[in-house]
Amino acid sequence: MAKRSKAAAESRLRIRWVRSAIGNPDRVRETIRGLGLHRLHEVVERPDTPAVRGMIDKVRHLVEVTTGTEQ
C-alpha cells in the first residue's frame, strides 16, 4: 500500500448545501444524500478524495465547497 503524506491524509472539504434539489433528477438527490447532507444549509466535512470530488462535481450547482484550512 502506498504511503500518503500527512497533509494529504488530513485534507478535508467542507460541503454546504445551499440550493434545493427540487426539480432535479433522482440521481442528483441520491448524490446529495451520498455526501451525507440531509437538510438545506447543512455543512458536512468529507475527506478530499477523487470519489468525493466527483460527487461534488455532479451537484456543484447546489453546494458550496471550501477546504478545511479556509474559515
Protein backbone atom coordinates (compact mmCIF):
# COMPACT_ATOMS: atom_id res chain seq x y z
CA MET A 1 0.00 0.00 0.00
CA ALA A 2 1.35 3.41 -0.95
CA LYS A 3 2.05 5.88 1.84
CA ARG A 4 0.26 9.20 1.71
CA SER A 5 1.75 12.40 3.01
CA LYS A 6 0.45 13.75 6.30
CA ALA A 7 -1.06 16.80 4.56
CA ALA A 8 -2.95 14.60 2.10
CA ALA A 9 -4.25 12.40 4.90
CA GLU A 10 -5.59 15.42 6.79
CA SER A 11 -7.05 17.40 3.90
CA ARG A 12 -10.80 17.80 4.30
CA LEU A 13 -13.55 19.51 2.35
CA ARG A 14 -16.39 21.44 3.94
CA ILE A 15 -19.54 21.00 1.88
CA ARG A 16 -22.56 23.25 2.45
CA TRP A 17 -25.90 22.52 0.78
CA VAL A 18 -27.20 25.90 -0.41
CA ARG A 19 -29.81 25.21 -3.13
CA SER A 20 -32.79 22.89 -3.09
CA ALA A 21 -32.76 19.66 -5.11
CA ILE A 22 -36.43 20.04 -6.04
CA GLY A 23 -36.85 19.69 -9.77
CA ASN A 24 -33.57 17.81 -10.22
CA PRO A 25 -33.27 14.18 -11.31
CA ASP A 26 -33.26 11.44 -8.67
CA ARG A 27 -29.55 10.84 -9.29
CA VAL A 28 -28.79 14.36 -8.08
CA ARG A 29 -30.84 13.81 -4.93
CA GLU A 30 -29.06 10.49 -4.32
CA THR A 31 -25.69 12.20 -4.71
CA ILE A 32 -26.66 14.84 -2.13
CA ARG A 33 -27.61 12.04 0.28
CA GLY A 34 -24.40 10.18 -0.57
CA LEU A 35 -22.40 13.20 0.55
CA GLY A 36 -24.18 12.96 3.90
CA LEU A 37 -26.37 16.03 3.50
CA HIS A 38 -29.89 15.84 4.91
CA ARG A 39 -31.12 19.42 5.30
CA LEU A 40 -30.68 22.63 3.36
CA HIS A 41 -27.83 24.83 4.71
CA GLU A 42 -26.26 21.84 6.47
CA VAL A 43 -22.46 21.60 6.49
CA VAL A 44 -20.53 18.33 6.44
CA GLU A 45 -16.81 17.56 6.27
CA ARG A 46 -15.56 14.87 3.93
CA PRO A 47 -12.04 13.70 3.03
CA ASP A 48 -10.55 15.22 -0.11
CA THR A 49 -10.62 12.13 -2.34
CA PRO A 50 -11.29 11.70 -6.07
CA ALA A 51 -14.60 9.98 -5.30
CA VAL A 52 -15.85 12.86 -3.16
CA ARG A 53 -14.61 15.39 -5.72
CA GLY A 54 -16.58 13.55 -8.41
CA MET A 55 -19.75 13.63 -6.32
CA ILE A 56 -19.29 17.35 -5.69
CA ASP A 57 -18.82 17.93 -9.42
CA LYS A 58 -22.22 16.32 -10.10
CA VAL A 59 -24.02 18.67 -7.69
CA ARG A 60 -21.79 21.76 -7.96
CA HIS A 61 -24.86 23.90 -8.75
CA LEU A 62 -26.39 23.03 -5.35
CA VAL A 63 -23.43 23.15 -2.95
CA GLU A 64 -20.59 25.41 -1.81
CA VAL A 65 -17.23 23.82 -1.09
CA THR A 66 -14.32 25.13 0.98
CA THR A 67 -11.15 23.41 2.08
CA GLY A 68 -10.61 22.62 5.74
CA THR A 69 -7.93 25.32 6.02
CA GLU A 70 -10.28 28.15 4.99
CA GLN A 71 -12.59 29.73 7.53
